[in-house]
Full PDB file with SEQRES, HELIX, SHEET, SSBOND, CRYST1, ORIGX, SCALE, CONECT and MASTER records, all heavy atoms in Angstrom:
SEQRES   1 A   42  LEU TYR GLN GLY ALA VAL ASN GLU GLY ARG CYS PHE GLU          
SEQRES   2 A   42  THR LEU ILE PRO ALA MET LYS ASP VAL ASP CYS THR LEU          
SEQRES   3 A   42  VAL VAL CYS GLY ASP GLY ASN PHE MET GLN GLN ALA LYS          
SEQRES   4 A   42  THR LEU VAL                                                  
HELIX    1 AA1 PHE A   12  ALA A   18  1                                   7    
HELIX    2 AA2 MET A   19  ASP A   21  5                                   3    
HELIX    3 AA3 MET A   35  LEU A   41  1                                   7    
SHEET    1 AA1 2 TYR A   2  GLN A   3  0                                        
SHEET    2 AA1 2 VAL A  28  CYS A  29  1                                        
CRYST1    1.000    1.000    1.000  90.00  90.00  90.00 P 1           1          
ORIGX1      1.000000  0.000000  0.000000        0.00000                         
ORIGX2      0.000000  1.000000  0.000000        0.00000                         
ORIGX3      0.000000  0.000000  1.000000        0.00000                         
SCALE1      1.000000  0.000000  0.000000        0.00000                         
SCALE2      0.000000  1.000000  0.000000        0.00000                         
SCALE3      0.000000  0.000000  1.000000        0.00000                         
ATOM      1  N   LEU A   1     169.557 155.666 138.042  1.00  0.00           N  
ATOM      2  CA  LEU A   1     168.744 154.556 138.524  1.00  0.00           C  
ATOM      3  C   LEU A   1     167.428 154.449 137.758  1.00  0.00           C  
ATOM      4  O   LEU A   1     166.715 155.437 137.592  1.00  0.00           O  
ATOM      5  CB  LEU A   1     168.431 154.729 140.011  1.00  0.00           C  
ATOM      6  CG  LEU A   1     167.473 153.704 140.633  1.00  0.00           C  
ATOM      7  CD1 LEU A   1     168.101 152.319 140.663  1.00  0.00           C  
ATOM      8  CD2 LEU A   1     167.045 154.136 142.035  1.00  0.00           C  
ATOM      9  N   TYR A   2     167.132 153.229 137.290  1.00  0.00           N  
ATOM     10  CA  TYR A   2     165.771 152.895 136.868  1.00  0.00           C  
ATOM     11  C   TYR A   2     165.240 151.886 137.860  1.00  0.00           C  
ATOM     12  O   TYR A   2     165.830 150.826 138.060  1.00  0.00           O  
ATOM     13  CB  TYR A   2     165.737 152.286 135.459  1.00  0.00           C  
ATOM     14  CG  TYR A   2     164.336 151.785 135.113  1.00  0.00           C  
ATOM     15  CD1 TYR A   2     163.420 152.625 134.501  1.00  0.00           C  
ATOM     16  CD2 TYR A   2     163.919 150.497 135.453  1.00  0.00           C  
ATOM     17  CE1 TYR A   2     162.125 152.197 134.225  1.00  0.00           C  
ATOM     18  CE2 TYR A   2     162.630 150.056 135.186  1.00  0.00           C  
ATOM     19  CZ  TYR A   2     161.738 150.910 134.577  1.00  0.00           C  
ATOM     20  OH  TYR A   2     160.458 150.484 134.315  1.00  0.00           O  
ATOM     21  N   GLN A   3     164.096 152.186 138.497  1.00  0.00           N  
ATOM     22  CA  GLN A   3     163.458 151.215 139.380  1.00  0.00           C  
ATOM     23  C   GLN A   3     162.046 150.951 138.883  1.00  0.00           C  
ATOM     24  O   GLN A   3     161.372 151.834 138.369  1.00  0.00           O  
ATOM     25  CB  GLN A   3     163.434 151.713 140.816  1.00  0.00           C  
ATOM     26  CG  GLN A   3     162.572 152.935 141.065  1.00  0.00           C  
ATOM     27  CD  GLN A   3     162.362 153.188 142.551  1.00  0.00           C  
ATOM     28  OE1 GLN A   3     163.277 153.606 143.255  1.00  0.00           O  
ATOM     29  NE2 GLN A   3     161.157 152.945 143.028  1.00  0.00           N  
ATOM     30  N   GLY A   4     161.621 149.703 139.020  1.00  0.00           N  
ATOM     31  CA  GLY A   4     160.275 149.339 138.593  1.00  0.00           C  
ATOM     32  C   GLY A   4     160.293 148.188 137.609  1.00  0.00           C  
ATOM     33  O   GLY A   4     161.329 147.550 137.380  1.00  0.00           O  
ATOM     34  N   ALA A   5     159.134 147.920 137.022  1.00  0.00           N  
ATOM     35  CA  ALA A   5     158.995 146.794 136.101  1.00  0.00           C  
ATOM     36  C   ALA A   5     159.814 147.013 134.833  1.00  0.00           C  
ATOM     37  O   ALA A   5     159.772 148.088 134.232  1.00  0.00           O  
ATOM     38  CB  ALA A   5     157.522 146.596 135.742  1.00  0.00           C  
ATOM     39  N   VAL A   6     160.562 145.991 134.436  1.00  0.00           N  
ATOM     40  CA  VAL A   6     161.313 146.029 133.174  1.00  0.00           C  
ATOM     41  C   VAL A   6     160.377 145.456 132.111  1.00  0.00           C  
ATOM     42  O   VAL A   6     160.505 144.304 131.691  1.00  0.00           O  
ATOM     43  CB  VAL A   6     162.624 145.231 133.280  1.00  0.00           C  
ATOM     44  CG1 VAL A   6     163.435 145.343 131.993  1.00  0.00           C  
ATOM     45  CG2 VAL A   6     163.446 145.730 134.469  1.00  0.00           C  
ATOM     46  N   ASN A   7     159.427 146.280 131.684  1.00  0.00           N  
ATOM     47  CA  ASN A   7     158.370 145.836 130.777  1.00  0.00           C  
ATOM     48  C   ASN A   7     158.428 146.550 129.438  1.00  0.00           C  
ATOM     49  O   ASN A   7     159.149 147.543 129.273  1.00  0.00           O  
ATOM     50  CB  ASN A   7     156.989 146.088 131.411  1.00  0.00           C  
ATOM     51  CG  ASN A   7     156.637 145.060 132.472  1.00  0.00           C  
ATOM     52  OD1 ASN A   7     157.313 144.038 132.603  1.00  0.00           O  
ATOM     53  ND2 ASN A   7     155.596 145.322 133.231  1.00  0.00           N  
ATOM     54  N   GLU A   8     157.651 146.044 128.498  1.00  0.00           N  
ATOM     55  CA  GLU A   8     157.498 146.724 127.223  1.00  0.00           C  
ATOM     56  C   GLU A   8     156.980 148.131 127.462  1.00  0.00           C  
ATOM     57  O   GLU A   8     156.222 148.380 128.398  1.00  0.00           O  
ATOM     58  CB  GLU A   8     156.499 145.968 126.338  1.00  0.00           C  
ATOM     59  CG  GLU A   8     156.966 144.599 125.885  1.00  0.00           C  
ATOM     60  CD  GLU A   8     155.963 143.955 124.942  1.00  0.00           C  
ATOM     61  OE1 GLU A   8     155.331 144.687 124.155  1.00  0.00           O  
ATOM     62  OE2 GLU A   8     155.791 142.735 125.006  1.00  0.00           O  
ATOM     63  N   GLY A   9     157.400 149.046 126.588  1.00  0.00           N  
ATOM     64  CA  GLY A   9     156.897 150.415 126.665  1.00  0.00           C  
ATOM     65  C   GLY A   9     157.619 151.308 127.646  1.00  0.00           C  
ATOM     66  O   GLY A   9     157.214 152.454 127.851  1.00  0.00           O  
ATOM     67  N   ARG A  10     158.711 150.811 128.266  1.00  0.00           N  
ATOM     68  CA  ARG A  10     159.436 151.626 129.253  1.00  0.00           C  
ATOM     69  C   ARG A  10     160.692 152.276 128.662  1.00  0.00           C  
ATOM     70  O   ARG A  10     161.579 152.701 129.392  1.00  0.00           O  
ATOM     71  CB  ARG A  10     159.805 150.775 130.471  1.00  0.00           C  
ATOM     72  CG  ARG A  10     158.611 150.060 131.117  1.00  0.00           C  
ATOM     73  CD  ARG A  10     157.540 151.011 131.601  1.00  0.00           C  
ATOM     74  NE  ARG A  10     156.322 150.326 131.994  1.00  0.00           N  
ATOM     75  CZ  ARG A  10     156.053 149.907 133.226  1.00  0.00           C  
ATOM     76  NH1 ARG A  10     156.932 150.086 134.178  1.00  0.00           N  
ATOM     77  NH2 ARG A  10     154.904 149.312 133.498  1.00  0.00           N  
ATOM     78  N   CYS A  11     160.779 152.316 127.344  1.00  0.00           N  
ATOM     79  CA  CYS A  11     161.822 153.063 126.619  1.00  0.00           C  
ATOM     80  C   CYS A  11     163.229 152.469 126.738  1.00  0.00           C  
ATOM     81  O   CYS A  11     164.221 153.164 126.502  1.00  0.00           O  
ATOM     82  CB  CYS A  11     161.866 154.528 127.057  1.00  0.00           C  
ATOM     83  SG  CYS A  11     160.384 155.456 126.624  1.00  0.00           S  
ATOM     84  N   PHE A  12     163.333 151.188 127.064  1.00  0.00           N  
ATOM     85  CA  PHE A  12     164.661 150.583 127.111  1.00  0.00           C  
ATOM     86  C   PHE A  12     165.303 150.521 125.729  1.00  0.00           C  
ATOM     87  O   PHE A  12     166.532 150.529 125.609  1.00  0.00           O  
ATOM     88  CB  PHE A  12     164.587 149.183 127.722  1.00  0.00           C  
ATOM     89  CG  PHE A  12     164.355 149.188 129.206  1.00  0.00           C  
ATOM     90  CD1 PHE A  12     163.105 148.914 129.731  1.00  0.00           C  
ATOM     91  CD2 PHE A  12     165.380 149.506 130.078  1.00  0.00           C  
ATOM     92  CE1 PHE A  12     162.879 148.939 131.096  1.00  0.00           C  
ATOM     93  CE2 PHE A  12     165.173 149.536 131.453  1.00  0.00           C  
ATOM     94  CZ  PHE A  12     163.913 149.254 131.957  1.00  0.00           C  
ATOM     95  N   GLU A  13     164.479 150.473 124.686  1.00  0.00           N  
ATOM     96  CA  GLU A  13     165.015 150.431 123.313  1.00  0.00           C  
ATOM     97  C   GLU A  13     165.805 151.679 122.967  1.00  0.00           C  
ATOM     98  O   GLU A  13     166.678 151.653 122.099  1.00  0.00           O  
ATOM     99  CB  GLU A  13     163.887 150.249 122.297  1.00  0.00           C  
ATOM    100  CG  GLU A  13     163.090 148.962 122.446  1.00  0.00           C  
ATOM    101  CD  GLU A  13     161.825 149.158 123.272  1.00  0.00           C  
ATOM    102  OE1 GLU A  13     161.864 149.955 124.235  1.00  0.00           O  
ATOM    103  OE2 GLU A  13     160.813 148.501 122.964  1.00  0.00           O  
ATOM    104  N   THR A  14     165.514 152.801 123.627  1.00  0.00           N  
ATOM    105  CA  THR A  14     166.257 154.040 123.376  1.00  0.00           C  
ATOM    106  C   THR A  14     167.141 154.433 124.557  1.00  0.00           C  
ATOM    107  O   THR A  14     168.190 155.056 124.372  1.00  0.00           O  
ATOM    108  CB  THR A  14     165.291 155.197 123.053  1.00  0.00           C  
ATOM    109  OG1 THR A  14     164.275 155.268 124.072  1.00  0.00           O  
ATOM    110  CG2 THR A  14     164.622 154.990 121.711  1.00  0.00           C  
ATOM    111  N   LEU A  15     166.747 154.054 125.769  1.00  0.00           N  
ATOM    112  CA  LEU A  15     167.562 154.383 126.943  1.00  0.00           C  
ATOM    113  C   LEU A  15     168.898 153.657 126.912  1.00  0.00           C  
ATOM    114  O   LEU A  15     169.955 154.272 127.162  1.00  0.00           O  
ATOM    115  CB  LEU A  15     166.793 154.013 128.217  1.00  0.00           C  
ATOM    116  CG  LEU A  15     167.569 154.122 129.537  1.00  0.00           C  
ATOM    117  CD1 LEU A  15     168.039 155.544 129.783  1.00  0.00           C  
ATOM    118  CD2 LEU A  15     166.716 153.619 130.710  1.00  0.00           C  
ATOM    119  N   ILE A  16     168.885 152.377 126.615  1.00  0.00           N  
ATOM    120  CA  ILE A  16     170.139 151.613 126.632  1.00  0.00           C  
ATOM    121  C   ILE A  16     171.118 152.103 125.561  1.00  0.00           C  
ATOM    122  O   ILE A  16     172.299 152.338 125.873  1.00  0.00           O  
ATOM    123  CB  ILE A  16     169.846 150.103 126.513  1.00  0.00           C  
ATOM    124  CG1 ILE A  16     169.186 149.612 127.816  1.00  0.00           C  
ATOM    125  CG2 ILE A  16     171.122 149.315 126.228  1.00  0.00           C  
ATOM    126  CD1 ILE A  16     168.668 148.195 127.777  1.00  0.00           C  
ATOM    127  N   PRO A  17     170.699 152.316 124.302  1.00  0.00           N  
ATOM    128  CA  PRO A  17     171.642 152.903 123.333  1.00  0.00           C  
ATOM    129  C   PRO A  17     172.134 154.292 123.739  1.00  0.00           C  
ATOM    130  O   PRO A  17     173.276 154.666 123.431  1.00  0.00           O  
ATOM    131  CB  PRO A  17     170.812 152.976 122.048  1.00  0.00           C  
ATOM    132  CG  PRO A  17     169.779 151.922 122.195  1.00  0.00           C  
ATOM    133  CD  PRO A  17     169.448 151.904 123.662  1.00  0.00           C  
ATOM    134  N   ALA A  18     171.304 155.063 124.441  1.00  0.00           N  
ATOM    135  CA  ALA A  18     171.718 156.400 124.884  1.00  0.00           C  
ATOM    136  C   ALA A  18     172.912 156.343 125.818  1.00  0.00           C  
ATOM    137  O   ALA A  18     173.717 157.288 125.874  1.00  0.00           O  
ATOM    138  CB  ALA A  18     170.550 157.096 125.582  1.00  0.00           C  
ATOM    139  N   MET A  19     173.067 155.239 126.548  1.00  0.00           N  
ATOM    140  CA  MET A  19     174.155 155.134 127.515  1.00  0.00           C  
ATOM    141  C   MET A  19     175.526 155.134 126.852  1.00  0.00           C  
ATOM    142  O   MET A  19     176.536 155.374 127.528  1.00  0.00           O  
ATOM    143  CB  MET A  19     173.969 153.881 128.370  1.00  0.00           C  
ATOM    144  CG  MET A  19     172.755 153.919 129.291  1.00  0.00           C  
ATOM    145  SD  MET A  19     172.667 155.394 130.344  1.00  0.00           S  
ATOM    146  CE  MET A  19     174.175 155.236 131.283  1.00  0.00           C  
ATOM    147  N   LYS A  20     175.573 154.888 125.549  1.00  0.00           N  
ATOM    148  CA  LYS A  20     176.858 154.958 124.840  1.00  0.00           C  
ATOM    149  C   LYS A  20     177.448 156.366 124.916  1.00  0.00           C  
ATOM    150  O   LYS A  20     178.677 156.543 124.882  1.00  0.00           O  
ATOM    151  CB  LYS A  20     176.667 154.560 123.363  1.00  0.00           C  
ATOM    152  CG  LYS A  20     176.332 153.098 123.160  1.00  0.00           C  
ATOM    153  CD  LYS A  20     176.327 152.707 121.691  1.00  0.00           C  
ATOM    154  CE  LYS A  20     175.144 153.334 120.963  1.00  0.00           C  
ATOM    155  NZ  LYS A  20     175.031 152.825 119.565  1.00  0.00           N  
ATOM    156  N   ASP A  21     176.577 157.380 125.027  1.00  0.00           N  
ATOM    157  CA  ASP A  21     177.020 158.774 125.025  1.00  0.00           C  
ATOM    158  C   ASP A  21     176.901 159.438 126.386  1.00  0.00           C  
ATOM    159  O   ASP A  21     176.947 160.672 126.489  1.00  0.00           O  
ATOM    160  CB  ASP A  21     176.202 159.570 123.994  1.00  0.00           C  
ATOM    161  CG  ASP A  21     176.366 159.027 122.577  1.00  0.00           C  
ATOM    162  OD1 ASP A  21     177.524 158.762 122.191  1.00  0.00           O  
ATOM    163  OD2 ASP A  21     175.348 158.864 121.879  1.00  0.00           O  
ATOM    164  N   VAL A  22     176.721 158.640 127.426  1.00  0.00           N  
ATOM    165  CA  VAL A  22     176.608 159.182 128.781  1.00  0.00           C  
ATOM    166  C   VAL A  22     177.707 158.563 129.642  1.00  0.00           C  
ATOM    167  O   VAL A  22     177.812 157.341 129.745  1.00  0.00           O  
ATOM    168  CB  VAL A  22     175.220 158.857 129.392  1.00  0.00           C  
ATOM    169  CG1 VAL A  22     175.129 159.397 130.814  1.00  0.00           C  
ATOM    170  CG2 VAL A  22     174.104 159.436 128.532  1.00  0.00           C  
ATOM    171  N   ASP A  23     178.516 159.409 130.256  1.00  0.00           N  
ATOM    172  CA  ASP A  23     179.641 158.931 131.067  1.00  0.00           C  
ATOM    173  C   ASP A  23     179.153 158.654 132.486  1.00  0.00           C  
ATOM    174  O   ASP A  23     179.470 159.375 133.440  1.00  0.00           O  
ATOM    175  CB  ASP A  23     180.761 159.979 131.080  1.00  0.00           C  
ATOM    176  CG  ASP A  23     182.015 159.447 131.772  1.00  0.00           C  
ATOM    177  OD1 ASP A  23     182.128 158.208 131.925  1.00  0.00           O  
ATOM    178  OD2 ASP A  23     182.867 160.271 132.176  1.00  0.00           O  
ATOM    179  N   CYS A  24     178.368 157.591 132.627  1.00  0.00           N  
ATOM    180  CA  CYS A  24     177.785 157.248 133.920  1.00  0.00           C  
ATOM    181  C   CYS A  24     177.257 155.819 133.838  1.00  0.00           C  
ATOM    182  O   CYS A  24     177.067 155.271 132.745  1.00  0.00           O  
ATOM    183  CB  CYS A  24     176.648 158.221 134.252  1.00  0.00           C  
ATOM    184  SG  CYS A  24     176.192 158.284 136.000  1.00  0.00           S  
ATOM    185  N   THR A  25     176.993 155.222 134.985  1.00  0.00           N  
ATOM    186  CA  THR A  25     176.447 153.865 135.054  1.00  0.00           C  
ATOM    187  C   THR A  25     174.939 153.921 135.228  1.00  0.00           C  
ATOM    188  O   THR A  25     174.424 154.762 135.977  1.00  0.00           O  
ATOM    189  CB  THR A  25     177.070 153.096 136.230  1.00  0.00           C  
ATOM    190  OG1 THR A  25     178.486 153.047 136.056  1.00  0.00           O  
ATOM    191  CG2 THR A  25     176.523 151.675 136.310  1.00  0.00           C  
ATOM    192  N   LEU A  26     174.234 153.028 134.559  1.00  0.00           N  
ATOM    193  CA  LEU A  26     172.791 152.870 134.730  1.00  0.00           C  
ATOM    194  C   LEU A  26     172.544 151.601 135.540  1.00  0.00           C  
ATOM    195  O   LEU A  26     172.954 150.505 135.145  1.00  0.00           O  
ATOM    196  CB  LEU A  26     172.095 152.760 133.372  1.00  0.00           C  
ATOM    197  CG  LEU A  26     170.611 152.364 133.393  1.00  0.00           C  
ATOM    198  CD1 LEU A  26     169.769 153.444 134.061  1.00  0.00           C  
ATOM    199  CD2 LEU A  26     170.101 152.094 131.964  1.00  0.00           C  
ATOM    200  N   VAL A  27     171.867 151.735 136.672  1.00  0.00           N  
ATOM    201  CA  VAL A  27     171.507 150.601 137.516  1.00  0.00           C  
ATOM    202  C   VAL A  27     170.011 150.348 137.355  1.00  0.00           C  
ATOM    203  O   VAL A  27     169.197 151.265 137.529  1.00  0.00           O  
ATOM    204  CB  VAL A  27     171.842 150.868 138.997  1.00  0.00           C  
ATOM    205  CG1 VAL A  27     171.351 149.721 139.876  1.00  0.00           C  
ATOM    206  CG2 VAL A  27     173.351 151.063 139.158  1.00  0.00           C  
ATOM    207  N   VAL A  28     169.637 149.110 137.015  1.00  0.00           N  
ATOM    208  CA  VAL A  28     168.239 148.744 136.795  1.00  0.00           C  
ATOM    209  C   VAL A  28     167.794 147.808 137.908  1.00  0.00           C  
ATOM    210  O   VAL A  28     168.308 146.694 138.046  1.00  0.00           O  
ATOM    211  CB  VAL A  28     168.051 148.066 135.417  1.00  0.00           C  
ATOM    212  CG1 VAL A  28     166.594 147.665 135.215  1.00  0.00           C  
ATOM    213  CG2 VAL A  28     168.516 148.996 134.298  1.00  0.00           C  
ATOM    214  N   CYS A  29     166.836 148.270 138.711  1.00  0.00           N  
ATOM    215  CA  CYS A  29     166.295 147.461 139.807  1.00  0.00           C  
ATOM    216  C   CYS A  29     164.862 147.060 139.458  1.00  0.00           C  
ATOM    217  O   CYS A  29     163.953 147.905 139.501  1.00  0.00           O  
ATOM    218  CB  CYS A  29     166.311 148.236 141.116  1.00  0.00           C  
ATOM    219  SG  CYS A  29     167.960 148.584 141.739  1.00  0.00           S  
ATOM    220  N   GLY A  30     164.658 145.818 139.123  1.00  0.00           N  
ATOM    221  CA  GLY A  30     163.334 145.335 138.750  1.00  0.00           C  
ATOM    222  C   GLY A  30     163.443 144.188 137.769  1.00  0.00           C  
ATOM    223  O   GLY A  30     164.537 143.813 137.323  1.00  0.00           O  
ATOM    224  N   ASP A  31     162.297 143.629 137.429  1.00  0.00           N  
ATOM    225  CA  ASP A  31     162.220 142.526 136.475  1.00  0.00           C  
ATOM    226  C   ASP A  31     160.922 142.673 135.705  1.00  0.00           C  
ATOM    227  O   ASP A  31     160.052 143.457 136.073  1.00  0.00           O  
ATOM    228  CB  ASP A  31     162.269 141.185 137.219  1.00  0.00           C  
ATOM    229  CG  ASP A  31     162.709 140.035 136.324  1.00  0.00           C  
ATOM    230  OD1 ASP A  31     162.826 140.247 135.097  1.00  0.00           O  
ATOM    231  OD2 ASP A  31     162.915 138.927 136.854  1.00  0.00           O  
ATOM    232  N   GLY A  32     160.788 141.932 134.617  1.00  0.00           N  
ATOM    233  CA  GLY A  32     159.553 142.030 133.853  1.00  0.00           C  
ATOM    234  C   GLY A  32     159.647 141.356 132.508  1.00  0.00           C  
ATOM    235  O   GLY A  32     160.628 140.656 132.198  1.00  0.00           O  
ATOM    236  N   ASN A  33     158.637 141.601 131.661  1.00  0.00           N  
ATOM    237  CA  ASN A  33     158.526 140.885 130.401  1.00  0.00           C  
ATOM    238  C   ASN A  33     159.499 141.355 129.324  1.00  0.00           C  
ATOM    239  O   ASN A  33     159.538 140.780 128.234  1.00  0.00           O  
ATOM    240  CB  ASN A  33     157.076 140.945 129.879  1.00  0.00           C  
ATOM    241  CG  ASN A  33     156.585 142.380 129.674  1.00  0.00           C  
ATOM    242  OD1 ASN A  33     157.337 143.276 129.289  1.00  0.00           O  
ATOM    243  ND2 ASN A  33     155.308 142.594 129.936  1.00  0.00           N  
ATOM    244  N   PHE A  34     160.291 142.414 129.611  1.00  0.00           N  
ATOM    245  CA  PHE A  34     161.253 142.907 128.625  1.00  0.00           C  
ATOM    246  C   PHE A  34     162.695 142.693 129.086  1.00  0.00           C  
ATOM    247  O   PHE A  34     163.622 143.172 128.452  1.00  0.00           O  
ATOM    248  CB  PHE A  34     161.006 144.404 128.357  1.00  0.00           C  
ATOM    249  CG  PHE A  34     161.606 144.913 127.072  1.00  0.00           C  
ATOM    250  CD1 PHE A  34     161.036 144.606 125.847  1.00  0.00           C  
ATOM    251  CD2 PHE A  34     162.743 145.712 127.081  1.00  0.00           C  
ATOM    252  CE1 PHE A  34     161.600 145.068 124.662  1.00  0.00           C  
ATOM    253  CE2 PHE A  34     163.307 146.181 125.900  1.00  0.00           C  
ATOM    254  CZ  PHE A  34     162.732 145.852 124.687  1.00  0.00           C  
ATOM    255  N   MET A  35     162.886 141.926 130.137  1.00  0.00           N  
ATOM    256  CA  MET A  35     164.222 141.783 130.708  1.00  0.00           C  
ATOM    257  C   MET A  35     165.210 141.154 129.724  1.00  0.00           C  
ATOM    258  O   MET A  35     166.336 141.643 129.560  1.00  0.00           O  
ATOM    259  CB  MET A  35     164.159 140.955 131.989  1.00  0.00           C  
ATOM    260  CG  MET A  35     165.520 140.697 132.624  1.00  0.00           C  
ATOM    261  SD  MET A  35     166.402 142.202 133.093  1.00  0.00           S  
ATOM    262  CE  MET A  35     165.682 142.510 134.698  1.00  0.00           C  
ATOM    263  N   GLN A  36     164.819 140.065 129.060  1.00  0.00           N  
ATOM    264  CA  GLN A  36     165.743 139.402 128.152  1.00  0.00           C  
ATOM    265  C   GLN A  36     166.101 140.307 126.984  1.00  0.00           C  
ATOM    266  O   GLN A  36     167.267 140.381 126.571  1.00  0.00           O  
ATOM    267  CB  GLN A  36     165.130 138.091 127.630  1.00  0.00           C  
ATOM    268  CG  GLN A  36     166.149 137.194 126.940  1.00  0.00           C  
ATOM    269  CD  GLN A  36     167.381 136.914 127.786  1.00  0.00           C  
ATOM    270  OE1 GLN A  36     167.277 136.471 128.935  1.00  0.00           O  
ATOM    271  NE2 GLN A  36     168.557 137.198 127.258  1.00  0.00           N  
ATOM    272  N   GLN A  37     165.106 141.019 126.437  1.00  0.00           N  
ATOM    273  CA  GLN A  37     165.378 141.947 125.340  1.00  0.00           C  
ATOM    274  C   GLN A  37     166.299 143.071 125.800  1.00  0.00           C  
ATOM    275  O   GLN A  37     167.182 143.513 125.046  1.00  0.00           O  
ATOM    276  CB  GLN A  37     164.079 142.532 124.787  1.00  0.00           C  
ATOM    277  CG  GLN A  37     163.163 141.511 124.126  1.00  0.00           C  
ATOM    278  CD  GLN A  37     162.117 140.962 125.081  1.00  0.00           C  
ATOM    279  OE1 GLN A  37     162.413 140.636 126.235  1.00  0.00           O  
ATOM    280  NE2 GLN A  37     160.889 140.855 124.605  1.00  0.00           N  
ATOM    281  N   ALA A  38     166.112 143.542 127.034  1.00  0.00           N  
ATOM    282  CA  ALA A  38     166.950 144.616 127.560  1.00  0.00           C  
ATOM    283  C   ALA A  38     168.406 144.158 127.672  1.00  0.00           C  
ATOM    284  O   ALA A  38     169.339 144.897 127.320  1.00  0.00           O  
ATOM    285  CB  ALA A  38     166.432 145.072 128.917  1.00  0.00           C  
ATOM    286  N   LYS A  39     168.606 142.934 128.137  1.00  0.00           N  
ATOM    287  CA  LYS A  39     169.969 142.407 128.250  1.00  0.00           C  
ATOM    288  C   LYS A  39     170.611 142.231 126.874  1.00  0.00           C  
ATOM    289  O   LYS A  39     171.818 142.467 126.704  1.00  0.00           O  
ATOM    290  CB  LYS A  39     169.948 141.079 129.003  1.00  0.00           C  
ATOM    291  CG  LYS A  39     169.624 141.240 130.483  1.00  0.00           C  
ATOM    292  CD  LYS A  39     169.622 139.900 131.210  1.00  0.00           C  
ATOM    293  CE  LYS A  39     169.378 140.094 132.711  1.00  0.00           C  
ATOM    294  NZ  LYS A  39     169.357 138.817 133.449  1.00  0.00           N  
ATOM    295  N   THR A  40     169.785 141.846 125.895  1.00  0.00           N  
ATOM    296  CA  THR A  40     170.292 141.727 124.524  1.00  0.00           C  
ATOM    297  C   THR A  40     170.697 143.093 123.985  1.00  0.00           C  
ATOM    298  O   THR A  40     171.733 143.226 123.317  1.00  0.00           O  
ATOM    299  CB  THR A  40     169.213 141.102 123.616  1.00  0.00           C  
ATOM    300  OG1 THR A  40     168.885 139.802 124.110  1.00  0.00           O  
ATOM    301  CG2 THR A  40     169.713 140.986 122.183  1.00  0.00           C  
ATOM    302  N   LEU A  41     169.903 144.126 124.262  1.00  0.00           N  
ATOM    303  CA  LEU A  41     170.232 145.483 123.819  1.00  0.00           C  
ATOM    304  C   LEU A  41     171.551 145.965 124.424  1.00  0.00           C  
ATOM    305  O   LEU A  41     172.327 146.672 123.765  1.00  0.00           O  
ATOM    306  CB  LEU A  41     169.103 146.442 124.203  1.00  0.00           C  
ATOM    307  CG  LEU A  41     167.847 146.411 123.328  1.00  0.00           C  
ATOM    308  CD1 LEU A  41     166.706 147.150 124.009  1.00  0.00           C  
ATOM    309  CD2 LEU A  41     168.137 147.039 121.960  1.00  0.00           C  
ATOM    310  N   VAL A  42     171.820 145.594 125.658  1.00  0.00           N  
ATOM    311  CA  VAL A  42     173.075 145.971 126.305  1.00  0.00           C  
ATOM    312  C   VAL A  42     174.256 145.378 125.551  1.00  0.00           C  
ATOM    313  O   VAL A  42     175.264 146.062 125.290  1.00  0.00           O  
ATOM    314  CB  VAL A  42     173.076 145.507 127.783  1.00  0.00           C  
ATOM    315  CG1 VAL A  42     174.482 145.613 128.373  1.00  0.00           C  
ATOM    316  CG2 VAL A  42     172.096 146.334 128.590  1.00  0.00           C  
TER     317      VAL A  42                                                      
MASTER        0    0    0    3    2    0    0    6  316    1    0    4          
END                                                                             
């Protein structure tokens, strides 16, 4: 679980690619100024 603002500087640029090597689901609860970029990274 990630909860909180989906903003710049919250490491989504490295967290989302890391999920390729993790056998688990990541649930993101929140919104913010990096939401569209985060969805693109997915």
